[in-house]
C-alpha atoms as a PDB file:
ATOM      1  CA  UNK A   1    -139.864 -73.324-134.098  1.00  0.00           C
ATOM      2  CA  UNK A   2    -140.793 -74.126-137.727  1.00  0.00           C
ATOM      3  CA  UNK A   3    -138.442 -75.918-140.214  1.00  0.00           C
ATOM      4  CA  UNK A   4    -137.757 -74.368-143.714  1.00  0.00           C
ATOM      5  CA  UNK A   5    -136.591 -76.203-146.832  1.00  0.00           C
ATOM      6  CA  UNK A   6    -135.345 -74.762-150.226  1.00  0.00           C
ATOM      7  CA  UNK A   7    -137.659 -75.215-153.203  1.00  0.00           C
ATOM      8  CA  UNK A   8    -134.776 -74.936-155.717  1.00  0.00           C
ATOM      9  CA  UNK A   9    -134.117 -78.610-155.612  1.00  0.00           C
ATOM     10  CA  UNK A  10    -137.701 -79.345-156.526  1.00  0.00           C
ATOM     11  CA  UNK A  11    -137.667 -76.793-159.428  1.00  0.00           C
ATOM     12  CA  UNK A  12    -134.390 -78.195-160.767  1.00  0.00           C
ATOM     13  CA  UNK A  13    -135.870 -81.615-160.610  1.00  0.00           C
ATOM     14  CA  UNK A  14    -138.893 -80.410-162.614  1.00  0.00           C
ATOM     15  CA  UNK A  15    -136.577 -79.003-165.336  1.00  0.00           C
ATOM     16  CA  UNK A  16    -134.529 -82.170-165.498  1.00  0.00           C
ATOM     17  CA  UNK A  17    -135.171 -85.039-167.772  1.00  0.00           C
ATOM     18  CA  UNK A  18    -136.245 -87.347-164.937  1.00  0.00           C
ATOM     19  CA  UNK A  19    -139.621 -88.952-165.234  1.00  0.00           C
ATOM     20  CA  UNK A  20    -142.719 -87.565-163.706  1.00  0.00           C
ATOM     21  CA  UNK A  21    -142.769 -90.422-161.313  1.00  0.00           C
ATOM     22  CA  UNK A  22    -139.281 -89.474-160.101  1.00  0.00           C
ATOM     23  CA  UNK A  23    -140.444 -85.890-159.641  1.00  0.00           C
ATOM     24  CA  UNK A  24    -143.424 -87.078-157.671  1.00  0.00           C
ATOM     25  CA  UNK A  25    -141.182 -89.248-155.557  1.00  0.00           C
ATOM     26  CA  UNK A  26    -138.853 -86.321-154.818  1.00  0.00           C
ATOM     27  CA  UNK A  27    -141.757 -84.058-153.899  1.00  0.00           C
ATOM     28  CA  UNK A  28    -143.274 -86.743-151.685  1.00  0.00           C
ATOM     29  CA  UNK A  29    -139.934 -87.190-149.941  1.00  0.00           C
ATOM     30  CA  UNK A  30    -139.617 -83.435-149.353  1.00  0.00           C
ATOM     31  CA  UNK A  31    -143.191 -83.313-148.085  1.00  0.00           C
ATOM     32  CA  UNK A  32    -142.516 -86.230-145.790  1.00  0.00           C
ATOM     33  CA  UNK A  33    -139.401 -84.555-144.443  1.00  0.00           C
ATOM     34  CA  UNK A  34    -141.385 -81.381-143.840  1.00  0.00           C
ATOM     35  CA  UNK A  35    -144.062 -83.257-141.907  1.00  0.00           C
ATOM     36  CA  UNK A  36    -141.538 -85.155-139.867  1.00  0.00           C
ATOM     37  CA  UNK A  37    -139.715 -81.970-138.946  1.00  0.00           C
ATOM     38  CA  UNK A  38    -142.924 -80.178-138.010  1.00  0.00           C
ATOM     39  CA  UNK A  39    -143.929 -83.084-135.753  1.00  0.00           C
ATOM     40  CA  UNK A  40    -140.487 -83.516-134.263  1.00  0.00           C
ATOM     41  CA  UNK A  41    -140.135 -80.008-132.772  1.00  0.00           C
ATOM     42  CA  UNK A  42    -143.133 -80.027-130.375  1.00  0.00           C
ATOM     43  CA  UNK A  43    -142.716 -83.753-129.689  1.00  0.00           C
ATOM     44  CA  UNK A  44    -139.115 -83.216-128.689  1.00  0.00           C
ATOM     45  CA  UNK A  45    -140.173 -80.384-126.375  1.00  0.00           C
ATOM     46  CA  UNK A  46    -142.832 -82.579-124.809  1.00  0.00           C
ATOM     47  CA  UNK A  47    -140.271 -85.306-124.104  1.00  0.00           C
ATOM     48  CA  UNK A  48    -137.852 -82.766-122.618  1.00  0.00           C
ATOM     49  CA  UNK A  49    -140.615 -81.452-120.402  1.00  0.00           C
ATOM     50  CA  UNK A  50    -141.414 -84.949-119.171  1.00  0.00           C
ATOM     51  CA  UNK A  51    -137.775 -85.619-118.345  1.00  0.00           C
ATOM     52  CA  UNK A  52    -137.539 -82.320-116.421  1.00  0.00           C
ATOM     53  CA  UNK A  53    -140.629 -83.235-114.429  1.00  0.00           C
ATOM     54  CA  UNK A  54    -139.045 -86.531-113.456  1.00  0.00           C
ATOM     55  CA  UNK A  55    -135.885 -84.776-112.366  1.00  0.00           C
ATOM     56  CA  UNK A  56    -137.826 -82.312-110.243  1.00  0.00           C
ATOM     57  CA  UNK A  57    -140.315 -84.651-108.607  1.00  0.00           C
ATOM     58  CA  UNK A  58    -138.777 -88.109-108.393  1.00  0.00           C
ATOM     59  CA  UNK A  59    -136.710 -88.738-105.226  1.00  0.00           C
ATOM     60  CA  UNK A  60    -132.986 -88.889-105.641  1.00  0.00           C
ATOM     61  CA  UNK A  61    -131.709 -92.451-105.090  1.00  0.00           C
ATOM     62  CA  UNK A  62    -128.471 -91.088-103.680  1.00  0.00           C
ATOM     63  CA  UNK A  63    -130.318 -88.942-101.116  1.00  0.00           C
ATOM     64  CA  UNK A  64    -132.602 -91.826-100.139  1.00  0.00           C
ATOM     65  CA  UNK A  65    -129.718 -94.243 -99.752  1.00  0.00           C
ATOM     66  CA  UNK A  66    -127.816 -91.767 -97.559  1.00  0.00           C
ATOM     67  CA  UNK A  67    -130.675 -91.251 -95.072  1.00  0.00           C
ATOM     68  CA  UNK A  68    -129.160 -91.720 -91.616  1.00  0.00           C
ATOM     69  CA  UNK A  69    -130.140 -94.738 -89.563  1.00  0.00           C
ATOM     70  CA  UNK A  70    -131.313 -92.955 -86.432  1.00  0.00           C
ATOM     71  CA  UNK A  71    -131.847 -96.138 -84.422  1.00  0.00           C
ATOM     72  CA  UNK A  72    -128.367 -97.500 -85.033  1.00  0.00           C
ATOM     73  CA  UNK A  73    -126.724 -94.138 -84.323  1.00  0.00           C
ATOM     74  CA  UNK A  74    -128.647 -93.512 -81.090  1.00  0.00           C
ATOM     75  CA  UNK A  75    -128.159 -97.076 -79.820  1.00  0.00           C
ATOM     76  CA  UNK A  76    -124.402 -96.667 -80.275  1.00  0.00           C
ATOM     77  CA  UNK A  77    -124.496 -93.360 -78.384  1.00  0.00           C
ATOM     78  CA  UNK A  78    -126.471 -94.902 -75.530  1.00  0.00           C
ATOM     79  CA  UNK A  79    -124.212 -97.942 -75.281  1.00  0.00           C
ATOM     80  CA  UNK A  80    -121.367 -95.556 -74.416  1.00  0.00           C
ATOM     81  CA  UNK A  81    -123.335 -94.399 -71.326  1.00  0.00           C
ATOM     82  CA  UNK A  82    -123.194 -97.805 -69.636  1.00  0.00           C
ATOM     83  CA  UNK A  83    -126.016 -98.981 -67.349  1.00  0.00           C
ATOM     84  CA  UNK A  84    -127.796 -95.627 -67.513  1.00  0.00           C
ATOM     85  CA  UNK A  85    -127.656 -95.797 -71.306  1.00  0.00           C
ATOM     86  CA  UNK A  86    -129.357 -99.204 -71.141  1.00  0.00           C
ATOM     87  CA  UNK A  87    -132.189 -97.713 -69.078  1.00  0.00           C
ATOM     88  CA  UNK A  88    -132.621 -94.858 -71.545  1.00  0.00           C
ATOM     89  CA  UNK A  89    -132.645 -97.329 -74.448  1.00  0.00           C
ATOM     90  CA  UNK A  90    -135.432 -99.403 -72.861  1.00  0.00           C
ATOM     91  CA  UNK A  91    -137.567 -96.341 -72.146  1.00  0.00           C
ATOM     92  CA  UNK A  92    -136.897 -95.043 -75.656  1.00  0.00           C
ATOM     93  CA  UNK A  93    -138.233 -98.276 -77.172  1.00  0.00           C
ATOM     94  CA  UNK A  94    -141.353 -98.048 -75.000  1.00  0.00           C
ATOM     95  CA  UNK A  95    -142.039 -94.487 -76.153  1.00  0.00           C
ATOM     96  CA  UNK A  96    -141.531 -95.486 -79.792  1.00  0.00           C
ATOM     97  CA  UNK A  97    -143.965 -98.360 -79.248  1.00  0.00           C
ATOM     98  CA  UNK A  98    -146.581 -95.807 -78.179  1.00  0.00           C
ATOM     99  CA  UNK A  99    -145.923 -93.266 -80.938  1.00  0.00           C
ATOM    100  CA  UNK A 100    -145.871 -95.819 -83.776  1.00  0.00           C
ATOM    101  CA  UNK A 101    -149.458 -96.878 -83.032  1.00  0.00           C
ATOM    102  CA  UNK A 102    -152.761 -95.190 -83.654  1.00  0.00           C
ATOM    103  CA  UNK A 103    -153.916 -94.024 -80.230  1.00  0.00           C
ATOM    104  CA  UNK A 104    -154.989 -90.911 -78.331  1.00  0.00           C
ATOM    105  CA  UNK A 105    -151.425 -90.058 -77.301  1.00  0.00           C
ATOM    106  CA  UNK A 106    -150.116 -90.141 -80.873  1.00  0.00           C
ATOM    107  CA  UNK A 107    -153.084 -88.124 -82.136  1.00  0.00           C
ATOM    108  CA  UNK A 108    -152.350 -85.459 -79.517  1.00  0.00           C
ATOM    109  CA  UNK A 109    -148.703 -85.168 -80.562  1.00  0.00           C
ATOM    110  CA  UNK A 110    -149.671 -85.089 -84.257  1.00  0.00           C
ATOM    111  CA  UNK A 111    -151.487 -81.822 -83.619  1.00  0.00           C
ATOM    112  CA  UNK A 112    -148.049 -80.194 -83.432  1.00  0.00           C
ATOM    113  CA  UNK A 113    -145.998 -82.516 -85.700  1.00  0.00           C
ATOM    114  CA  UNK A 114    -147.300 -84.960 -88.349  1.00  0.00           C
ATOM    115  CA  UNK A 115    -144.720 -87.646 -87.468  1.00  0.00           C
ATOM    116  CA  UNK A 116    -143.873 -87.541 -83.735  1.00  0.00           C
ATOM    117  CA  UNK A 117    -142.362 -91.049 -83.841  1.00  0.00           C
ATOM    118  CA  UNK A 118    -139.690 -89.984 -86.332  1.00  0.00           C
ATOM    119  CA  UNK A 119    -138.987 -86.813 -84.362  1.00  0.00           C
ATOM    120  CA  UNK A 120    -138.451 -88.885 -81.228  1.00  0.00           C
ATOM    121  CA  UNK A 121    -136.388 -91.469 -83.115  1.00  0.00           C
ATOM    122  CA  UNK A 122    -133.965 -88.725 -84.207  1.00  0.00           C
ATOM    123  CA  UNK A 123    -133.250 -87.404 -80.710  1.00  0.00           C
ATOM    124  CA  UNK A 124    -129.923 -87.623 -78.866  1.00  0.00           C
ATOM    125  CA  UNK A 125    -129.547 -88.256 -75.139  1.00  0.00           C
ATOM    126  CA  UNK A 126    -126.966 -86.867 -72.746  1.00  0.00           C
ATOM    127  CA  UNK A 127    -126.427 -87.010 -68.971  1.00  0.00           C
ATOM    128  CA  UNK A 128    -125.883 -84.219 -66.475  1.00  0.00           C
ATOM    129  CA  UNK A 129    -125.073 -84.476 -62.773  1.00  0.00           C
ATOM    130  CA  UNK A 130    -127.941 -82.277 -61.645  1.00  0.00           C
ATOM    131  CA  UNK A 131    -129.692 -81.759 -58.288  1.00  0.00           C
ATOM    132  CA  UNK A 132    -130.659 -84.825 -56.252  1.00  0.00           C
ATOM    133  CA  UNK A 133    -132.562 -83.560 -53.202  1.00  0.00           C
ATOM    134  CA  UNK A 134    -136.228 -82.912 -52.596  1.00  0.00           C
ATOM    135  CA  UNK A 135    -136.955 -79.492 -51.094  1.00  0.00           C
ATOM    136  CA  UNK A 136    -139.990 -78.716 -48.997  1.00  0.00           C
ATOM    137  CA  UNK A 137    -141.459 -75.518 -47.619  1.00  0.00           C
ATOM    138  CA  UNK A 138    -144.720 -74.346 -46.150  1.00  0.00           C
ATOM    139  CA  UNK A 139    -146.680 -71.856 -48.215  1.00  0.00           C
ATOM    140  CA  UNK A 140    -149.328 -69.754 -46.432  1.00  0.00           C
ATOM    141  CA  UNK A 141    -151.831 -70.241 -49.206  1.00  0.00           C
ATOM    142  CA  UNK A 142    -151.013 -73.727 -50.490  1.00  0.00           C
ATOM    143  CA  UNK A 143    -149.735 -75.574 -47.438  1.00  0.00           C
ATOM    144  CA  UNK A 144    -146.668 -77.844 -47.433  1.00  0.00           C
ATOM    145  CA  UNK A 145    -145.021 -77.950 -50.843  1.00  0.00           C
ATOM    146  CA  UNK A 146    -142.374 -80.298 -52.249  1.00  0.00           C
ATOM    147  CA  UNK A 147    -140.080 -79.627 -55.182  1.00  0.00           C
ATOM    148  CA  UNK A 148    -138.468 -82.728 -56.653  1.00  0.00           C
ATOM    149  CA  UNK A 149    -135.245 -82.596 -58.679  1.00  0.00           C
ATOM    150  CA  UNK A 150    -135.827 -82.223 -62.387  1.00  0.00           C
ATOM    151  CA  UNK A 151    -135.776 -85.399 -64.463  1.00  0.00           C
ATOM    152  CA  UNK A 152    -134.857 -84.047 -67.898  1.00  0.00           C
ATOM    153  CA  UNK A 153    -134.717 -80.860 -69.921  1.00  0.00           C
ATOM    154  CA  UNK A 154    -134.456 -79.768 -73.528  1.00  0.00           C
ATOM    155  CA  UNK A 155    -134.999 -76.718 -75.756  1.00  0.00           C
ATOM    156  CA  UNK A 156    -138.480 -75.505 -76.599  1.00  0.00           C
ATOM    157  CA  UNK A 157    -139.572 -76.331 -80.192  1.00  0.00           C
ATOM    158  CA  UNK A 158    -136.072 -77.640 -80.972  1.00  0.00           C
ATOM    159  CA  UNK A 159    -137.350 -80.198 -83.507  1.00  0.00           C
ATOM    160  CA  UNK A 160    -135.544 -83.188 -84.974  1.00  0.00           C
ATOM    161  CA  UNK A 161    -132.023 -84.193 -83.980  1.00  0.00           C
ATOM    162  CA  UNK A 162    -132.147 -82.156 -80.784  1.00  0.00           C
ATOM    163  CA  UNK A 163    -130.924 -83.318 -77.358  1.00  0.00           C
ATOM    164  CA  UNK A 164    -132.715 -84.506 -74.227  1.00  0.00           C
ATOM    165  CA  UNK A 165    -130.515 -83.873 -71.191  1.00  0.00           C
ATOM    166  CA  UNK A 166    -131.269 -86.354 -68.377  1.00  0.00           C
ATOM    167  CA  UNK A 167    -130.442 -85.670 -64.741  1.00  0.00           C
ATOM    168  CA  UNK A 168    -128.283 -88.572 -63.533  1.00  0.00           C
ATOM    169  CA  UNK A 169    -129.408 -87.775 -59.951  1.00  0.00           C
ATOM    170  CA  UNK A 170    -133.092 -87.277 -60.765  1.00  0.00           C
ATOM    171  CA  UNK A 171    -136.217 -89.462 -60.884  1.00  0.00           C
ATOM    172  CA  UNK A 172    -135.398 -91.107 -64.199  1.00  0.00           C
ATOM    173  CA  UNK A 173    -132.666 -93.185 -62.517  1.00  0.00           C
ATOM    174  CA  UNK A 174    -133.430 -92.962 -58.763  1.00  0.00           C
ATOM    175  CA  UNK A 175    -136.312 -93.936 -56.455  1.00  0.00           C
ATOM    176  CA  UNK A 176    -135.687 -91.995 -53.227  1.00  0.00           C
ATOM    177  CA  UNK A 177    -133.965 -88.848 -52.034  1.00  0.00           C
ATOM    178  CA  UNK A 178    -133.199 -86.811 -48.944  1.00  0.00           C
ATOM    179  CA  UNK A 179    -135.780 -84.152 -48.111  1.00  0.00           C
ATOM    180  CA  UNK A 180    -134.413 -80.699 -47.278  1.00  0.00           C
ATOM    181  CA  UNK A 181    -136.871 -78.634 -45.233  1.00  0.00           C
ATOM    182  CA  UNK A 182    -136.628 -74.897 -45.879  1.00  0.00           C
ATOM    183  CA  UNK A 183    -137.363 -72.284 -43.228  1.00  0.00           C
ATOM    184  CA  UNK A 184    -140.264 -69.840 -43.803  1.00  0.00           C
ATOM    185  CA  UNK A 185    -137.928 -67.399 -45.528  1.00  0.00           C
ATOM    186  CA  UNK A 186    -136.756 -70.092 -47.927  1.00  0.00           C
ATOM    187  CA  UNK A 187    -133.096 -69.406 -47.120  1.00  0.00           C
ATOM    188  CA  UNK A 188    -131.889 -72.159 -44.790  1.00  0.00           C
ATOM    189  CA  UNK A 189    -132.618 -75.858 -45.304  1.00  0.00           C
ATOM    190  CA  UNK A 190    -132.056 -78.852 -43.054  1.00  0.00           C
ATOM    191  CA  UNK A 191    -132.411 -82.610 -43.675  1.00  0.00           C
ATOM    192  CA  UNK A 192    -135.846 -83.929 -42.852  1.00  0.00           C
ATOM    193  CA  UNK A 193    -135.848 -87.634 -43.717  1.00  0.00           C
ATOM    194  CA  UNK A 194    -136.306 -89.418 -47.043  1.00  0.00           C
ATOM    195  CA  UNK A 195    -139.137 -89.566 -49.568  1.00  0.00           C
ATOM    196  CA  UNK A 196    -139.704 -91.419 -52.836  1.00  0.00           C
ATOM    197  CA  UNK A 197    -138.904 -89.355 -55.900  1.00  0.00           C
ATOM    198  CA  UNK A 198    -142.020 -88.890 -57.995  1.00  0.00           C
ATOM    199  CA  UNK A 199    -143.145 -88.037 -61.503  1.00  0.00           C
ATOM    200  CA  UNK A 200    -146.798 -87.159 -61.011  1.00  0.00           C
ATOM    201  CA  UNK A 201    -148.220 -90.267 -59.267  1.00  0.00           C
ATOM    202  CA  UNK A 202    -145.400 -92.574 -60.410  1.00  0.00           C
ATOM    203  CA  UNK A 203    -142.382 -93.459 -58.279  1.00  0.00           C
ATOM    204  CA  UNK A 204    -139.030 -92.540 -59.782  1.00  0.00           C
ATOM    205  CA  UNK A 205    -137.008 -95.102 -61.736  1.00  0.00           C
ATOM    206  CA  UNK A 206    -140.102 -97.055 -62.821  1.00  0.00           C
ATOM    207  CA  UNK A 207    -141.103 -97.650 -66.462  1.00  0.00           C
ATOM    208  CA  UNK A 208    -144.092 -95.323 -66.055  1.00  0.00           C
ATOM    209  CA  UNK A 209    -141.974 -92.479 -64.680  1.00  0.00           C
ATOM    210  CA  UNK A 210    -139.331 -92.878 -67.391  1.00  0.00           C
ATOM    211  CA  UNK A 211    -141.897 -92.964 -70.208  1.00  0.00           C
ATOM    212  CA  UNK A 212    -143.672 -89.855 -68.880  1.00  0.00           C
ATOM    213  CA  UNK A 213    -140.367 -87.962 -68.549  1.00  0.00           C
ATOM    214  CA  UNK A 214    -139.485 -88.666 -72.195  1.00  0.00           C
ATOM    215  CA  UNK A 215    -142.987 -87.853 -73.460  1.00  0.00           C
ATOM    216  CA  UNK A 216    -142.887 -84.588 -71.481  1.00  0.00           C
ATOM    217  CA  UNK A 217    -139.627 -83.577 -73.178  1.00  0.00           C
ATOM    218  CA  UNK A 218    -140.971 -84.580 -76.595  1.00  0.00           C
ATOM    219  CA  UNK A 219    -143.877 -82.246 -75.867  1.00  0.00           C
ATOM    220  CA  UNK A 220    -141.417 -79.362 -75.537  1.00  0.00           C
ATOM    221  CA  UNK A 221    -139.371 -80.398 -78.587  1.00  0.00           C
ATOM    222  CA  UNK A 222    -142.462 -80.463 -80.811  1.00  0.00           C
ATOM    223  CA  UNK A 223    -143.937 -77.298 -79.282  1.00  0.00           C
ATOM    224  CA  UNK A 224    -146.902 -79.273 -77.925  1.00  0.00           C
ATOM    225  CA  UNK A 225    -146.241 -78.064 -74.360  1.00  0.00           C
ATOM    226  CA  UNK A 226    -145.476 -74.515 -73.203  1.00  0.00           C
ATOM    227  CA  UNK A 227    -142.091 -73.775 -71.693  1.00  0.00           C
ATOM    228  CA  UNK A 228    -141.504 -74.577 -68.019  1.00  0.00           C
ATOM    229  CA  UNK A 229    -138.560 -74.653 -65.604  1.00  0.00           C
ATOM    230  CA  UNK A 230    -137.282 -76.013 -62.282  1.00  0.00           C
ATOM    231  CA  UNK A 231    -139.140 -73.553 -60.084  1.00  0.00           C
ATOM    232  CA  UNK A 232    -141.865 -73.570 -57.444  1.00  0.00           C
ATOM    233  CA  UNK A 233    -144.532 -72.188 -59.805  1.00  0.00           C
ATOM    234  CA  UNK A 234    -145.891 -75.628 -60.738  1.00  0.00           C
ATOM    235  CA  UNK A 235    -145.754 -75.185 -64.524  1.00  0.00           C
ATOM    236  CA  UNK A 236    -143.696 -78.339 -65.009  1.00  0.00           C
ATOM    237  CA  UNK A 237    -146.175 -80.386 -62.965  1.00  0.00           C
ATOM    238  CA  UNK A 238    -149.078 -78.964 -64.954  1.00  0.00           C
ATOM    239  CA  UNK A 239    -147.337 -79.913 -68.200  1.00  0.00           C
ATOM    240  CA  UNK A 240    -146.812 -83.451 -66.898  1.00  0.00           C
ATOM    241  CA  UNK A 241    -150.513 -83.623 -66.022  1.00  0.00           C
ATOM    242  CA  UNK A 242    -151.338 -82.541 -69.579  1.00  0.00           C
ATOM    243  CA  UNK A 243    -149.153 -85.343 -70.986  1.00  0.00           C
ATOM    244  CA  UNK A 244    -150.918 -87.880 -68.784  1.00  0.00           C
ATOM    245  CA  UNK A 245    -154.336 -86.535 -69.737  1.00  0.00           C
ATOM    246  CA  UNK A 246    -153.643 -87.723 -73.280  1.00  0.00           C
ATOM    247  CA  UNK A 247    -151.087 -90.515 -72.782  1.00  0.00           C
ATOM    248  CA  UNK A 248    -151.814 -92.206 -69.431  1.00  0.00           C
ATOM    249  CA  UNK A 249    -153.490 -95.304 -70.896  1.00  0.00           C
ATOM    250  CA  UNK A 250    -150.700 -95.825 -73.423  1.00  0.00           C
ATOM    251  CA  UNK A 251    -148.019 -95.207 -70.771  1.00  0.00           C
ATOM    252  CA  UNK A 252    -149.446 -97.836 -68.442  1.00  0.00           C
ATOM    253  CA  UNK A 253    -149.862-100.366 -71.265  1.00  0.00           C
ATOM    254  CA  UNK A 254    -146.255 -99.892 -72.429  1.00  0.00           C
ATOM    255  CA  UNK A 255    -145.021-100.225 -68.833  1.00  0.00           C
ATOM    256  CA  UNK A 256    -146.961-103.479 -68.378  1.00  0.00           C
ATOM    257  CA  UNK A 257    -145.469-104.855 -71.583  1.00  0.00           C
ATOM    258  CA  UNK A 258    -142.018-103.921 -70.298  1.00  0.00           C
ATOM    259  CA  UNK A 259    -142.624-105.712 -66.986  1.00  0.00           C
ATOM    260  CA  UNK A 260    -143.827-108.865 -68.736  1.00  0.00           C
ATOM    261  CA  UNK A 261    -140.825-108.828 -71.079  1.00  0.00           C
ATOM    262  CA  UNK A 262    -138.363-108.561 -68.182  1.00  0.00           C
ATOM    263  CA  UNK A 263    -139.919-111.498 -66.276  1.00  0.00           C
END
């Protein structure tokens, strides 16, 4: 927008009895005002544009200050679960130790989410009184099969702030279980001794087993692993094997650190 000034004042000044120097002064002042006004319009717009950019792109202090403290919140939730909450808290710290470092396991998870550590940090944990027994049956093509109780479950691709549901009777918290032998039809089952609960090659209720269970569920939450269930089809075991293919070294190192810390 351009600024306009009346020339009548300058003409009246020329017809007045003021000196030429006064006329020149008046004209110079008018000219100066004109220049200042012409410079002020675009300059003011440039300043306004800069301020708008700051508003749009600078982070809001209020939003930053109100960011929830995931660690404090989750620790409080776990403390309400008693001894089992303490076990979850220890395993949670071990998993965070893995995901906060640059290693093959973290790189694998980053293929589905750029910050797997923060996703895991945001998660809630709950307990369910699920199945406790190991079931066995003989398959004509695959021989004697065993199905262990599930350790944990969650929703596929649930993302941040979702829930991991842990089986209070499963391998996260327990080492052994009764084996129930099914007949060939898979209908009747009878007790057939005891066996250690297992998560892949790890005995239940060990640091390795607990870390693998939580990494497995994180794989579902981030969409890194395909969906599985508590069935005989072996998909859950294959997903656990995939986790260990990328995270076995880090799992064993974190478990060793945990053992040394407890001694």
